[in-house]
Amino acid sequence: MDEIQHKFVNVGALKLHIAEIGTGPNVVVFLHGFPEIWYSWRHQIIAVAGAGFRAIAPDYRGYGLS
């Protein structure tokens, strides 16, 4: 999981955390449910990136590092 990059995205006044992996031209966004965080998708985003996609898993506002 060392290849997963953690970034922050400013959306208006909000600072949201995202976990990102892969560099493909197509993007898959993984959205978690209550009360989970990006970590719930850790195995899936690695597999999707291995298939040639860019995978992004954000933390919702108020959860994880967001």
N, C-alpha and C. Protein backbone atom coordinates (compact mmCIF):
# COMPACT_ATOMS: atom_id res chain seq x y z
N MET A 1 0.81 -1.20 0.00
CA MET A 1 0.00 0.00 0.00
C MET A 1 0.85 1.26 0.00
N ASP A 2 2.16 1.10 -0.08
CA ASP A 2 3.03 2.26 -0.11
C ASP A 2 2.84 3.08 -1.38
N GLU A 3 2.31 2.47 -2.43
CA GLU A 3 2.14 3.19 -3.68
C GLU A 3 0.92 4.10 -3.69
N ILE A 4 0.05 3.99 -2.70
CA ILE A 4 -1.12 4.86 -2.60
C ILE A 4 -0.66 6.24 -2.15
N GLN A 5 -1.06 7.26 -2.90
CA GLN A 5 -0.70 8.64 -2.58
C GLN A 5 -1.86 9.30 -1.86
N HIS A 6 -1.54 10.09 -0.86
CA HIS A 6 -2.55 10.82 -0.10
C HIS A 6 -2.41 12.30 -0.41
N LYS A 7 -3.52 12.90 -0.79
CA LYS A 7 -3.53 14.31 -1.17
C LYS A 7 -4.72 15.00 -0.53
N PHE A 8 -4.67 16.32 -0.52
CA PHE A 8 -5.79 17.12 -0.06
C PHE A 8 -6.27 18.01 -1.20
N VAL A 9 -7.59 18.10 -1.34
CA VAL A 9 -8.21 18.89 -2.39
C VAL A 9 -9.06 19.96 -1.72
N ASN A 10 -8.85 21.21 -2.10
CA ASN A 10 -9.68 22.29 -1.56
C ASN A 10 -10.92 22.45 -2.42
N VAL A 11 -12.06 22.34 -1.78
CA VAL A 11 -13.36 22.51 -2.45
C VAL A 11 -14.08 23.62 -1.68
N GLY A 12 -14.02 24.81 -2.21
CA GLY A 12 -14.56 25.95 -1.48
C GLY A 12 -13.79 26.11 -0.18
N ALA A 13 -14.52 26.12 0.94
CA ALA A 13 -13.89 26.26 2.25
C ALA A 13 -13.50 24.91 2.84
N LEU A 14 -13.79 23.82 2.14
CA LEU A 14 -13.50 22.47 2.65
C LEU A 14 -12.14 21.98 2.18
N LYS A 15 -11.48 21.22 3.02
CA LYS A 15 -10.21 20.57 2.68
C LYS A 15 -10.46 19.07 2.77
N LEU A 16 -10.60 18.40 1.62
CA LEU A 16 -10.94 16.98 1.58
C LEU A 16 -9.72 16.13 1.29
N HIS A 17 -9.63 15.01 1.98
CA HIS A 17 -8.54 14.06 1.79
C HIS A 17 -8.93 13.04 0.73
N ILE A 18 -7.99 12.71 -0.17
CA ILE A 18 -8.21 11.64 -1.13
C ILE A 18 -7.02 10.69 -1.12
N ALA A 19 -7.31 9.43 -1.36
CA ALA A 19 -6.27 8.43 -1.58
C ALA A 19 -6.32 8.11 -3.07
N GLU A 20 -5.16 8.10 -3.71
CA GLU A 20 -5.10 7.97 -5.17
C GLU A 20 -3.99 7.02 -5.57
N ILE A 21 -4.26 6.24 -6.62
CA ILE A 21 -3.26 5.33 -7.16
C ILE A 21 -3.55 5.13 -8.64
N GLY A 22 -2.52 4.93 -9.43
CA GLY A 22 -2.68 4.67 -10.86
C GLY A 22 -2.55 5.93 -11.69
N THR A 23 -2.33 5.71 -12.99
CA THR A 23 -2.12 6.84 -13.90
C THR A 23 -2.87 6.70 -15.20
N GLY A 24 -3.78 5.78 -15.29
CA GLY A 24 -4.49 5.56 -16.56
C GLY A 24 -5.37 6.73 -16.96
N PRO A 25 -5.80 6.76 -18.22
CA PRO A 25 -6.65 7.85 -18.71
C PRO A 25 -8.07 7.80 -18.17
N ASN A 26 -8.50 6.64 -17.69
CA ASN A 26 -9.84 6.48 -17.14
C ASN A 26 -9.77 6.44 -15.62
N VAL A 27 -10.75 7.07 -14.97
CA VAL A 27 -10.76 7.19 -13.52
C VAL A 27 -11.93 6.43 -12.93
N VAL A 28 -11.66 5.71 -11.83
CA VAL A 28 -12.71 5.04 -11.07
C VAL A 28 -12.71 5.69 -9.68
N VAL A 29 -13.88 6.19 -9.26
CA VAL A 29 -14.01 6.84 -7.96
C VAL A 29 -14.74 5.89 -7.03
N PHE A 30 -14.15 5.61 -5.88
CA PHE A 30 -14.73 4.71 -4.88
C PHE A 30 -15.31 5.55 -3.75
N LEU A 31 -16.60 5.39 -3.49
CA LEU A 31 -17.26 6.15 -2.44
C LEU A 31 -17.65 5.21 -1.31
N HIS A 32 -17.31 5.59 -0.09
CA HIS A 32 -17.59 4.74 1.07
C HIS A 32 -18.91 5.12 1.71
N GLY A 33 -19.38 4.25 2.56
CA GLY A 33 -20.61 4.51 3.30
C GLY A 33 -20.31 4.94 4.72
N PHE A 34 -21.35 5.21 5.47
CA PHE A 34 -21.22 5.62 6.88
C PHE A 34 -20.88 4.41 7.72
N PRO A 35 -19.98 4.47 8.62
CA PRO A 35 -19.04 5.52 9.02
C PRO A 35 -17.62 5.20 8.56
N GLU A 36 -17.45 4.67 7.39
CA GLU A 36 -16.14 4.21 6.92
C GLU A 36 -15.31 5.33 6.31
N ILE A 37 -14.07 5.00 5.90
CA ILE A 37 -13.17 5.96 5.25
C ILE A 37 -12.57 5.30 4.01
N TRP A 38 -11.67 5.99 3.33
CA TRP A 38 -11.05 5.48 2.10
C TRP A 38 -10.46 4.10 2.29
N TYR A 39 -10.00 3.81 3.49
CA TYR A 39 -9.29 2.57 3.80
C TYR A 39 -10.15 1.33 3.50
N SER A 40 -11.45 1.50 3.48
CA SER A 40 -12.35 0.39 3.16
C SER A 40 -12.12 -0.15 1.75
N TRP A 41 -11.60 0.69 0.88
CA TRP A 41 -11.37 0.33 -0.53
C TRP A 41 -9.92 -0.01 -0.84
N ARG A 42 -9.06 -0.15 0.16
CA ARG A 42 -7.62 -0.29 -0.07
C ARG A 42 -7.26 -1.43 -1.02
N HIS A 43 -7.91 -2.56 -0.91
CA HIS A 43 -7.58 -3.69 -1.79
C HIS A 43 -8.12 -3.47 -3.20
N GLN A 44 -9.32 -2.92 -3.30
CA GLN A 44 -9.94 -2.70 -4.61
C GLN A 44 -9.22 -1.63 -5.42
N ILE A 45 -8.78 -0.54 -4.78
CA ILE A 45 -8.13 0.51 -5.57
C ILE A 45 -6.78 0.05 -6.11
N ILE A 46 -6.09 -0.80 -5.37
CA ILE A 46 -4.83 -1.35 -5.86
C ILE A 46 -5.08 -2.26 -7.06
N ALA A 47 -6.11 -3.08 -6.98
CA ALA A 47 -6.44 -3.99 -8.10
C ALA A 47 -6.87 -3.21 -9.34
N VAL A 48 -7.67 -2.18 -9.16
CA VAL A 48 -8.14 -1.37 -10.29
C VAL A 48 -6.96 -0.63 -10.93
N ALA A 49 -6.06 -0.11 -10.12
CA ALA A 49 -4.87 0.56 -10.67
C ALA A 49 -4.00 -0.44 -11.43
N GLY A 50 -3.92 -1.67 -10.94
CA GLY A 50 -3.17 -2.70 -11.63
C GLY A 50 -3.77 -3.07 -12.98
N ALA A 51 -5.07 -2.80 -13.14
CA ALA A 51 -5.75 -3.06 -14.41
C ALA A 51 -5.63 -1.88 -15.38
N GLY A 52 -4.88 -0.83 -14.99
CA GLY A 52 -4.63 0.28 -15.90
C GLY A 52 -5.49 1.51 -15.69
N PHE A 53 -6.21 1.56 -14.59
CA PHE A 53 -7.06 2.71 -14.30
C PHE A 53 -6.42 3.58 -13.23
N ARG A 54 -6.90 4.80 -13.12
CA ARG A 54 -6.56 5.67 -12.00
C ARG A 54 -7.70 5.52 -11.00
N ALA A 55 -7.39 5.21 -9.75
CA ALA A 55 -8.40 4.99 -8.73
C ALA A 55 -8.29 6.07 -7.65
N ILE A 56 -9.44 6.63 -7.29
CA ILE A 56 -9.50 7.68 -6.28
C ILE A 56 -10.54 7.29 -5.24
N ALA A 57 -10.17 7.40 -3.97
CA ALA A 57 -11.10 7.14 -2.88
C ALA A 57 -11.05 8.31 -1.90
N PRO A 58 -12.07 9.18 -1.92
CA PRO A 58 -12.07 10.32 -1.01
C PRO A 58 -12.65 9.96 0.35
N ASP A 59 -12.25 10.74 1.36
CA ASP A 59 -12.92 10.70 2.66
C ASP A 59 -14.01 11.75 2.61
N TYR A 60 -15.22 11.38 3.01
CA TYR A 60 -16.30 12.35 3.05
C TYR A 60 -16.02 13.40 4.11
N ARG A 61 -16.64 14.53 3.96
CA ARG A 61 -16.51 15.62 4.93
C ARG A 61 -16.84 15.12 6.33
N GLY A 62 -15.92 15.34 7.25
CA GLY A 62 -16.12 14.94 8.63
C GLY A 62 -15.62 13.55 8.96
N TYR A 63 -15.10 12.82 7.97
CA TYR A 63 -14.60 11.47 8.20
C TYR A 63 -13.13 11.38 7.82
N GLY A 64 -12.41 10.48 8.47
CA GLY A 64 -11.00 10.28 8.17
C GLY A 64 -10.22 11.57 8.34
N LEU A 65 -9.49 11.95 7.31
CA LEU A 65 -8.67 13.16 7.36
C LEU A 65 -9.35 14.38 6.74
N SER A 66 -10.60 14.24 6.31
CA SER A 66 -11.32 15.37 5.73
C SER A 66 -11.99 16.20 6.81
